[in-house]
């Protein structure tokens, strides 16, 4: 990941392990959040944060409605969609 960041002129970016305390602090304090899936269930976007979700995949996404366990598994996905 560090090489990819360097190639794109982002060598000052700080990589943090997912779900670590540093990750949680980044979610809580970042001005701009970009994601292509969902953030953890404990994430709540602050009013002053911008959350861009690119929803990887096709335009025919079902936002979790076709997940293995059905509608029970899609609540966090739809919650993230509403926050983005």
PDB file of N, CA and C in Angstrom:
ATOM      1  N   UNK A   1       0.805  -1.194   0.000  1.00  0.00           N
ATOM      2  CA  UNK A   1       0.000   0.000   0.000  1.00  0.00           C
ATOM      3  C   UNK A   1       0.856   1.271   0.000  1.00  0.00           C
ATOM      4  N   UNK A   2       1.974   1.211   0.712  1.00  0.00           N
ATOM      5  CA  UNK A   2       2.849   2.386   0.763  1.00  0.00           C
ATOM      6  C   UNK A   2       3.386   2.744  -0.620  1.00  0.00           C
ATOM      7  N   UNK A   3       3.755   1.745  -1.417  1.00  0.00           N
ATOM      8  CA  UNK A   3       4.261   2.002  -2.764  1.00  0.00           C
ATOM      9  C   UNK A   3       3.168   2.628  -3.635  1.00  0.00           C
ATOM     10  N   UNK A   4       1.957   2.138  -3.540  1.00  0.00           N
ATOM     11  CA  UNK A   4       0.849   2.686  -4.320  1.00  0.00           C
ATOM     12  C   UNK A   4       0.596   4.156  -3.947  1.00  0.00           C
ATOM     13  N   UNK A   5       0.620   4.458  -2.662  1.00  0.00           N
ATOM     14  CA  UNK A   5       0.435   5.845  -2.223  1.00  0.00           C
ATOM     15  C   UNK A   5       1.553   6.726  -2.774  1.00  0.00           C
ATOM     16  N   UNK A   6       2.781   6.250  -2.704  1.00  0.00           N
ATOM     17  CA  UNK A   6       3.920   7.013  -3.202  1.00  0.00           C
ATOM     18  C   UNK A   6       3.780   7.284  -4.695  1.00  0.00           C
ATOM     19  N   UNK A   7       3.365   6.275  -5.464  1.00  0.00           N
ATOM     20  CA  UNK A   7       3.203   6.429  -6.915  1.00  0.00           C
ATOM     21  C   UNK A   7       2.176   7.493  -7.260  1.00  0.00           C
ATOM     22  N   UNK A   8       1.222   7.732  -6.362  1.00  0.00           N
ATOM     23  CA  UNK A   8       0.176   8.717  -6.621  1.00  0.00           C
ATOM     24  C   UNK A   8       0.399  10.023  -5.862  1.00  0.00           C
ATOM     25  N   UNK A   9       1.621  10.206  -5.355  1.00  0.00           N
ATOM     26  CA  UNK A   9       1.954  11.460  -4.677  1.00  0.00           C
ATOM     27  C   UNK A   9       1.306  11.613  -3.314  1.00  0.00           C
ATOM     28  N   UNK A  10       0.980  10.508  -2.682  1.00  0.00           N
ATOM     29  CA  UNK A  10       0.312  10.545  -1.379  1.00  0.00           C
ATOM     30  C   UNK A  10       1.205   9.956  -0.287  1.00  0.00           C
ATOM     31  N   UNK A  11       2.504  10.198  -0.410  1.00  0.00           N
ATOM     32  CA  UNK A  11       3.428   9.593   0.548  1.00  0.00           C
ATOM     33  C   UNK A  11       3.257  10.110   1.974  1.00  0.00           C
ATOM     34  N   UNK A  12       2.531  11.197   2.165  1.00  0.00           N
ATOM     35  CA  UNK A  12       2.281  11.718   3.516  1.00  0.00           C
ATOM     36  C   UNK A  12       1.068  11.066   4.181  1.00  0.00           C
ATOM     37  N   UNK A  13       0.368  10.216   3.456  1.00  0.00           N
ATOM     38  CA  UNK A  13      -0.793   9.525   4.027  1.00  0.00           C
ATOM     39  C   UNK A  13      -0.327   8.578   5.125  1.00  0.00           C
ATOM     40  N   UNK A  14      -1.152   8.417   6.132  1.00  0.00           N
ATOM     41  CA  UNK A  14      -0.833   7.532   7.240  1.00  0.00           C
ATOM     42  C   UNK A  14      -1.728   6.307   7.156  1.00  0.00           C
ATOM     43  N   UNK A  15      -1.122   5.138   7.040  1.00  0.00           N
ATOM     44  CA  UNK A  15      -1.878   3.889   7.001  1.00  0.00           C
ATOM     45  C   UNK A  15      -2.106   3.391   8.421  1.00  0.00           C
ATOM     46  N   UNK A  16      -3.325   2.977   8.697  1.00  0.00           N
ATOM     47  CA  UNK A  16      -3.643   2.444  10.027  1.00  0.00           C
ATOM     48  C   UNK A  16      -4.352   1.105   9.862  1.00  0.00           C
ATOM     49  N   UNK A  17      -4.138   0.185  10.798  1.00  0.00           N
ATOM     50  CA  UNK A  17      -4.831  -1.105  10.716  1.00  0.00           C
ATOM     51  C   UNK A  17      -6.342  -0.936  10.898  1.00  0.00           C
ATOM     52  N   UNK A  18      -7.106  -1.636  10.083  1.00  0.00           N
ATOM     53  CA  UNK A  18      -8.561  -1.572  10.186  1.00  0.00           C
ATOM     54  C   UNK A  18      -9.000  -2.021  11.580  1.00  0.00           C
ATOM     55  N   UNK A  19      -9.950  -1.298  12.139  1.00  0.00           N
ATOM     56  CA  UNK A  19     -10.565  -1.560  13.449  1.00  0.00           C
ATOM     57  C   UNK A  19      -9.645  -1.293  14.638  1.00  0.00           C
ATOM     58  N   UNK A  20      -8.455  -0.743  14.394  1.00  0.00           N
ATOM     59  CA  UNK A  20      -7.571  -0.371  15.498  1.00  0.00           C
ATOM     60  C   UNK A  20      -8.066   0.936  16.120  1.00  0.00           C
ATOM     61  N   UNK A  21      -7.475   1.315  17.238  1.00  0.00           N
ATOM     62  CA  UNK A  21      -7.828   2.589  17.867  1.00  0.00           C
ATOM     63  C   UNK A  21      -7.516   3.754  16.917  1.00  0.00           C
ATOM     64  N   UNK A  22      -6.403   3.652  16.194  1.00  0.00           N
ATOM     65  CA  UNK A  22      -6.045   4.691  15.221  1.00  0.00           C
ATOM     66  C   UNK A  22      -7.095   4.789  14.115  1.00  0.00           C
ATOM     67  N   UNK A  23      -7.629   3.647  13.687  1.00  0.00           N
ATOM     68  CA  UNK A  23      -8.692   3.617  12.676  1.00  0.00           C
ATOM     69  C   UNK A  23      -9.949   4.307  13.211  1.00  0.00           C
ATOM     70  N   UNK A  24     -10.303   3.994  14.438  1.00  0.00           N
ATOM     71  CA  UNK A  24     -11.481   4.605  15.046  1.00  0.00           C
ATOM     72  C   UNK A  24     -11.302   6.118  15.182  1.00  0.00           C
ATOM     73  N   UNK A  25     -10.108   6.559  15.536  1.00  0.00           N
ATOM     74  CA  UNK A  25      -9.841   7.997  15.638  1.00  0.00           C
ATOM     75  C   UNK A  25      -9.922   8.663  14.269  1.00  0.00           C
ATOM     76  N   UNK A  26      -9.416   7.985  13.245  1.00  0.00           N
ATOM     77  CA  UNK A  26      -9.494   8.538  11.894  1.00  0.00           C
ATOM     78  C   UNK A  26     -10.949   8.684  11.450  1.00  0.00           C
ATOM     79  N   UNK A  27     -11.777   7.686  11.732  1.00  0.00           N
ATOM     80  CA  UNK A  27     -13.203   7.780  11.392  1.00  0.00           C
ATOM     81  C   UNK A  27     -13.864   8.938  12.125  1.00  0.00           C
ATOM     82  N   UNK A  28     -13.493   9.117  13.370  1.00  0.00           N
ATOM     83  CA  UNK A  28     -14.132  10.151  14.194  1.00  0.00           C
ATOM     84  C   UNK A  28     -13.674  11.565  13.855  1.00  0.00           C
ATOM     85  N   UNK A  29     -12.459  11.724  13.320  1.00  0.00           N
ATOM     86  CA  UNK A  29     -11.913  13.067  13.152  1.00  0.00           C
ATOM     87  C   UNK A  29     -11.684  13.506  11.711  1.00  0.00           C
ATOM     88  N   UNK A  30     -11.808  12.608  10.751  1.00  0.00           N
ATOM     89  CA  UNK A  30     -11.564  12.975   9.349  1.00  0.00           C
ATOM     90  C   UNK A  30     -12.651  13.905   8.832  1.00  0.00           C
ATOM     91  N   UNK A  31     -12.236  14.868   8.019  1.00  0.00           N
ATOM     92  CA  UNK A  31     -13.201  15.779   7.402  1.00  0.00           C
ATOM     93  C   UNK A  31     -13.901  15.107   6.232  1.00  0.00           C
ATOM     94  N   UNK A  32     -13.158  14.286   5.485  1.00  0.00           N
ATOM     95  CA  UNK A  32     -13.695  13.622   4.304  1.00  0.00           C
ATOM     96  C   UNK A  32     -13.456  12.123   4.443  1.00  0.00           C
ATOM     97  N   UNK A  33     -14.492  11.333   4.241  1.00  0.00           N
ATOM     98  CA  UNK A  33     -14.418   9.876   4.318  1.00  0.00           C
ATOM     99  C   UNK A  33     -14.837   9.310   2.960  1.00  0.00           C
ATOM    100  N   UNK A  34     -14.025   8.411   2.417  1.00  0.00           N
ATOM    101  CA  UNK A  34     -14.336   7.767   1.142  1.00  0.00           C
ATOM    102  C   UNK A  34     -14.304   6.264   1.370  1.00  0.00           C
ATOM    103  N   UNK A  35     -15.329   5.574   0.891  1.00  0.00           N
ATOM    104  CA  UNK A  35     -15.432   4.142   1.116  1.00  0.00           C
ATOM    105  C   UNK A  35     -16.096   3.506  -0.102  1.00  0.00           C
ATOM    106  N   UNK A  36     -15.798   2.239  -0.370  1.00  0.00           N
ATOM    107  CA  UNK A  36     -16.490   1.558  -1.462  1.00  0.00           C
ATOM    108  C   UNK A  36     -17.275   0.349  -0.958  1.00  0.00           C
ATOM    109  N   UNK A  37     -17.381   0.228   0.343  1.00  0.00           N
ATOM    110  CA  UNK A  37     -18.227  -0.803   0.948  1.00  0.00           C
ATOM    111  C   UNK A  37     -18.986  -0.152   2.098  1.00  0.00           C
ATOM    112  N   UNK A  38     -18.745  -0.576   3.333  1.00  0.00           N
ATOM    113  CA  UNK A  38     -19.399   0.059   4.479  1.00  0.00           C
ATOM    114  C   UNK A  38     -18.402   0.231   5.616  1.00  0.00           C
ATOM    115  N   UNK A  39     -18.693   1.169   6.484  1.00  0.00           N
ATOM    116  CA  UNK A  39     -17.939   1.318   7.714  1.00  0.00           C
ATOM    117  C   UNK A  39     -18.569   0.426   8.777  1.00  0.00           C
ATOM    118  N   UNK A  40     -17.867   0.189   9.877  1.00  0.00           N
ATOM    119  CA  UNK A  40     -18.390  -0.683  10.936  1.00  0.00           C
ATOM    120  C   UNK A  40     -19.699  -0.144  11.520  1.00  0.00           C
ATOM    121  N   UNK A  41     -20.484  -1.002  12.151  1.00  0.00           N
ATOM    122  CA  UNK A  41     -21.765  -0.578  12.734  1.00  0.00           C
ATOM    123  C   UNK A  41     -21.648   0.557  13.752  1.00  0.00           C
ATOM    124  N   UNK A  42     -20.498   0.702  14.394  1.00  0.00           N
ATOM    125  CA  UNK A  42     -20.363   1.767  15.398  1.00  0.00           C
ATOM    126  C   UNK A  42     -20.110   3.142  14.790  1.00  0.00           C
ATOM    127  N   UNK A  43     -19.866   3.220  13.474  1.00  0.00           N
ATOM    128  CA  UNK A  43     -19.586   4.506  12.840  1.00  0.00           C
ATOM    129  C   UNK A  43     -20.858   5.324  12.672  1.00  0.00           C
ATOM    130  N   UNK A  44     -20.790   6.579  13.101  1.00  0.00           N
ATOM    131  CA  UNK A  44     -21.867   7.542  12.883  1.00  0.00           C
ATOM    132  C   UNK A  44     -21.224   8.812  12.329  1.00  0.00           C
ATOM    133  N   UNK A  45     -21.617   9.216  11.144  1.00  0.00           N
ATOM    134  CA  UNK A  45     -21.049  10.407  10.509  1.00  0.00           C
ATOM    135  C   UNK A  45     -21.450  11.656  11.278  1.00  0.00           C
ATOM    136  N   UNK A  46     -20.467  12.508  11.565  1.00  0.00           N
ATOM    137  CA  UNK A  46     -20.748  13.806  12.180  1.00  0.00           C
ATOM    138  C   UNK A  46     -21.271  14.753  11.110  1.00  0.00           C
ATOM    139  N   UNK A  47     -22.061  15.734  11.492  1.00  0.00           N
ATOM    140  CA  UNK A  47     -22.642  16.678  10.534  1.00  0.00           C
ATOM    141  C   UNK A  47     -21.585  17.368   9.676  1.00  0.00           C
ATOM    142  N   UNK A  48     -20.427  17.660  10.251  1.00  0.00           N
ATOM    143  CA  UNK A  48     -19.388  18.387   9.508  1.00  0.00           C
ATOM    144  C   UNK A  48     -18.516  17.472   8.639  1.00  0.00           C
ATOM    145  N   UNK A  49     -18.766  16.181   8.646  1.00  0.00           N
ATOM    146  CA  UNK A  49     -18.006  15.255   7.811  1.00  0.00           C
ATOM    147  C   UNK A  49     -18.693  15.047   6.463  1.00  0.00           C
ATOM    148  N   UNK A  50     -17.878  14.862   5.438  1.00  0.00           N
ATOM    149  CA  UNK A  50     -18.375  14.499   4.116  1.00  0.00           C
ATOM    150  C   UNK A  50     -18.059  13.022   3.917  1.00  0.00           C
ATOM    151  N   UNK A  51     -19.061  12.245   3.569  1.00  0.00           N
ATOM    152  CA  UNK A  51     -18.902  10.805   3.376  1.00  0.00           C
ATOM    153  C   UNK A  51     -19.290  10.470   1.941  1.00  0.00           C
ATOM    154  N   UNK A  52     -18.298  10.072   1.147  1.00  0.00           N
ATOM    155  CA  UNK A  52     -18.514   9.671  -0.237  1.00  0.00           C
ATOM    156  C   UNK A  52     -18.390   8.160  -0.304  1.00  0.00           C
ATOM    157  N   UNK A  53     -19.440   7.498  -0.721  1.00  0.00           N
ATOM    158  CA  UNK A  53     -19.391   6.055  -0.887  1.00  0.00           C
ATOM    159  C   UNK A  53     -19.508   5.747  -2.368  1.00  0.00           C
ATOM    160  N   UNK A  54     -18.520   5.057  -2.913  1.00  0.00           N
ATOM    161  CA  UNK A  54     -18.482   4.771  -4.351  1.00  0.00           C
ATOM    162  C   UNK A  54     -19.179   3.472  -4.713  1.00  0.00           C
ATOM    163  N   UNK A  55     -19.637   2.699  -3.739  1.00  0.00           N
ATOM    164  CA  UNK A  55     -20.383   1.453  -3.947  1.00  0.00           C
ATOM    165  C   UNK A  55     -19.837   0.641  -5.104  1.00  0.00           C
ATOM    166  N   UNK A  56     -18.671   0.029  -4.896  1.00  0.00           N
ATOM    167  CA  UNK A  56     -18.042  -0.783  -5.929  1.00  0.00           C
ATOM    168  C   UNK A  56     -19.050  -1.772  -6.526  1.00  0.00           C
ATOM    169  N   UNK A  57     -18.870  -2.072  -7.775  1.00  0.00           N
ATOM    170  CA  UNK A  57     -19.768  -3.023  -8.428  1.00  0.00           C
ATOM    171  C   UNK A  57     -20.540  -2.380  -9.559  1.00  0.00           C
ATOM    172  N   UNK A  58     -21.731  -2.870  -9.790  1.00  0.00           N
ATOM    173  CA  UNK A  58     -22.535  -2.423 -10.919  1.00  0.00           C
ATOM    174  C   UNK A  58     -23.641  -1.482 -10.462  1.00  0.00           C
ATOM    175  N   UNK A  59     -24.271  -0.780 -11.390  1.00  0.00           N
ATOM    176  CA  UNK A  59     -25.396   0.090 -11.036  1.00  0.00           C
ATOM    177  C   UNK A  59     -26.618  -0.687 -10.528  1.00  0.00           C
ATOM    178  N   UNK A  60     -26.599  -1.987 -10.671  1.00  0.00           N
ATOM    179  CA  UNK A  60     -27.742  -2.797 -10.252  1.00  0.00           C
ATOM    180  C   UNK A  60     -27.577  -3.343  -8.838  1.00  0.00           C
ATOM    181  N   UNK A  61     -26.881  -2.589  -7.984  1.00  0.00           N
ATOM    182  CA  UNK A  61     -26.643  -3.036  -6.613  1.00  0.00           C
ATOM    183  C   UNK A  61     -27.980  -3.231  -5.886  1.00  0.00           C
ATOM    184  N   UNK A  62     -27.981  -4.154  -4.953  1.00  0.00           N
ATOM    185  CA  UNK A  62     -29.191  -4.395  -4.154  1.00  0.00           C
ATOM    186  C   UNK A  62     -29.007  -3.964  -2.706  1.00  0.00           C
ATOM    187  N   UNK A  63     -27.879  -3.315  -2.399  1.00  0.00           N
ATOM    188  CA  UNK A  63     -27.585  -2.819  -1.049  1.00  0.00           C
ATOM    189  C   UNK A  63     -27.795  -3.889   0.015  1.00  0.00           C
ATOM    190  N   UNK A  64     -27.329  -5.073  -0.258  1.00  0.00           N
ATOM    191  CA  UNK A  64     -27.368  -6.142   0.733  1.00  0.00           C
ATOM    192  C   UNK A  64     -28.604  -7.010   0.716  1.00  0.00           C
ATOM    193  N   UNK A  65     -29.569  -6.690  -0.096  1.00  0.00           N
ATOM    194  CA  UNK A  65     -30.826  -7.438  -0.074  1.00  0.00           C
ATOM    195  C   UNK A  65     -30.660  -8.890  -0.528  1.00  0.00           C
ATOM    196  N   UNK A  66     -29.579  -9.202  -1.222  1.00  0.00           N
ATOM    197  CA  UNK A  66     -29.356 -10.573  -1.679  1.00  0.00           C
ATOM    198  C   UNK A  66     -28.257 -11.262  -0.879  1.00  0.00           C
ATOM    199  N   UNK A  67     -27.977 -10.778   0.319  1.00  0.00           N
ATOM    200  CA  UNK A  67     -26.945 -11.382   1.159  1.00  0.00           C
ATOM    201  C   UNK A  67     -27.420 -12.732   1.684  1.00  0.00           C
ATOM    202  N   UNK A  68     -26.471 -13.533   2.109  1.00  0.00           N
ATOM    203  CA  UNK A  68     -26.727 -14.907   2.527  1.00  0.00           C
ATOM    204  C   UNK A  68     -27.869 -15.020   3.541  1.00  0.00           C
ATOM    205  N   UNK A  69     -27.880 -14.173   4.556  1.00  0.00           N
ATOM    206  CA  UNK A  69     -28.907 -14.243   5.597  1.00  0.00           C
ATOM    207  C   UNK A  69     -30.061 -13.270   5.375  1.00  0.00           C
ATOM    208  N   UNK A  70     -30.174 -12.746   4.190  1.00  0.00           N
ATOM    209  CA  UNK A  70     -31.314 -11.903   3.847  1.00  0.00           C
ATOM    210  C   UNK A  70     -31.318 -10.550   4.526  1.00  0.00           C
ATOM    211  N   UNK A  71     -32.486 -10.060   4.794  1.00  0.00           N
ATOM    212  CA  UNK A  71     -32.666  -8.693   5.272  1.00  0.00           C
ATOM    213  C   UNK A  71     -31.956  -8.413   6.599  1.00  0.00           C
ATOM    214  N   UNK A  72     -31.715  -9.425   7.422  1.00  0.00           N
ATOM    215  CA  UNK A  72     -31.037  -9.219   8.697  1.00  0.00           C
ATOM    216  C   UNK A  72     -29.612  -8.698   8.489  1.00  0.00           C
ATOM    217  N   UNK A  73     -28.955  -9.087   7.400  1.00  0.00           N
ATOM    218  CA  UNK A  73     -27.566  -8.706   7.147  1.00  0.00           C
ATOM    219  C   UNK A  73     -27.428  -7.339   6.481  1.00  0.00           C
ATOM    220  N   UNK A  74     -28.485  -6.738   6.039  1.00  0.00           N
ATOM    221  CA  UNK A  74     -28.330  -5.517   5.262  1.00  0.00           C
ATOM    222  C   UNK A  74     -28.503  -4.228   6.063  1.00  0.00           C
ATOM    223  N   UNK A  75     -28.803  -4.305   7.333  1.00  0.00           N
ATOM    224  CA  UNK A  75     -29.074  -3.082   8.095  1.00  0.00           C
ATOM    225  C   UNK A  75     -27.877  -2.141   8.126  1.00  0.00           C
ATOM    226  N   UNK A  76     -26.662  -2.645   8.348  1.00  0.00           N
ATOM    227  CA  UNK A  76     -25.497  -1.762   8.400  1.00  0.00           C
ATOM    228  C   UNK A  76     -25.189  -1.184   7.023  1.00  0.00           C
ATOM    229  N   UNK A  77     -25.402  -1.958   5.977  1.00  0.00           N
ATOM    230  CA  UNK A  77     -25.166  -1.458   4.621  1.00  0.00           C
ATOM    231  C   UNK A  77     -26.118  -0.305   4.322  1.00  0.00           C
ATOM    232  N   UNK A  78     -27.380  -0.466   4.624  1.00  0.00           N
ATOM    233  CA  UNK A  78     -28.339   0.599   4.350  1.00  0.00           C
ATOM    234  C   UNK A  78     -28.112   1.795   5.268  1.00  0.00           C
ATOM    235  N   UNK A  79     -27.685   1.550   6.508  1.00  0.00           N
ATOM    236  CA  UNK A  79     -27.374   2.648   7.429  1.00  0.00           C
ATOM    237  C   UNK A  79     -26.213   3.466   6.870  1.00  0.00           C
ATOM    238  N   UNK A  80     -25.180   2.794   6.337  1.00  0.00           N
ATOM    239  CA  UNK A  80     -24.066   3.493   5.724  1.00  0.00           C
ATOM    240  C   UNK A  80     -24.505   4.269   4.496  1.00  0.00           C
ATOM    241  N   UNK A  81     -25.376   3.685   3.701  1.00  0.00           N
ATOM    242  CA  UNK A  81     -25.897   4.374   2.518  1.00  0.00           C
ATOM    243  C   UNK A  81     -26.582   5.679   2.917  1.00  0.00           C
ATOM    244  N   UNK A  82     -27.395   5.642   3.958  1.00  0.00           N
ATOM    245  CA  UNK A  82     -28.102   6.848   4.392  1.00  0.00           C
ATOM    246  C   UNK A  82     -27.163   7.907   4.946  1.00  0.00           C
ATOM    247  N   UNK A  83     -26.015   7.497   5.486  1.00  0.00           N
ATOM    248  CA  UNK A  83     -25.055   8.467   6.018  1.00  0.00           C
ATOM    249  C   UNK A  83     -24.165   9.071   4.920  1.00  0.00           C
ATOM    250  N   UNK A  84     -24.085   8.396   3.783  1.00  0.00           N
ATOM    251  CA  UNK A  84     -23.203   8.899   2.714  1.00  0.00           C
ATOM    252  C   UNK A  84     -23.915   9.914   1.848  1.00  0.00           C
TER     253      UNK A  84
END
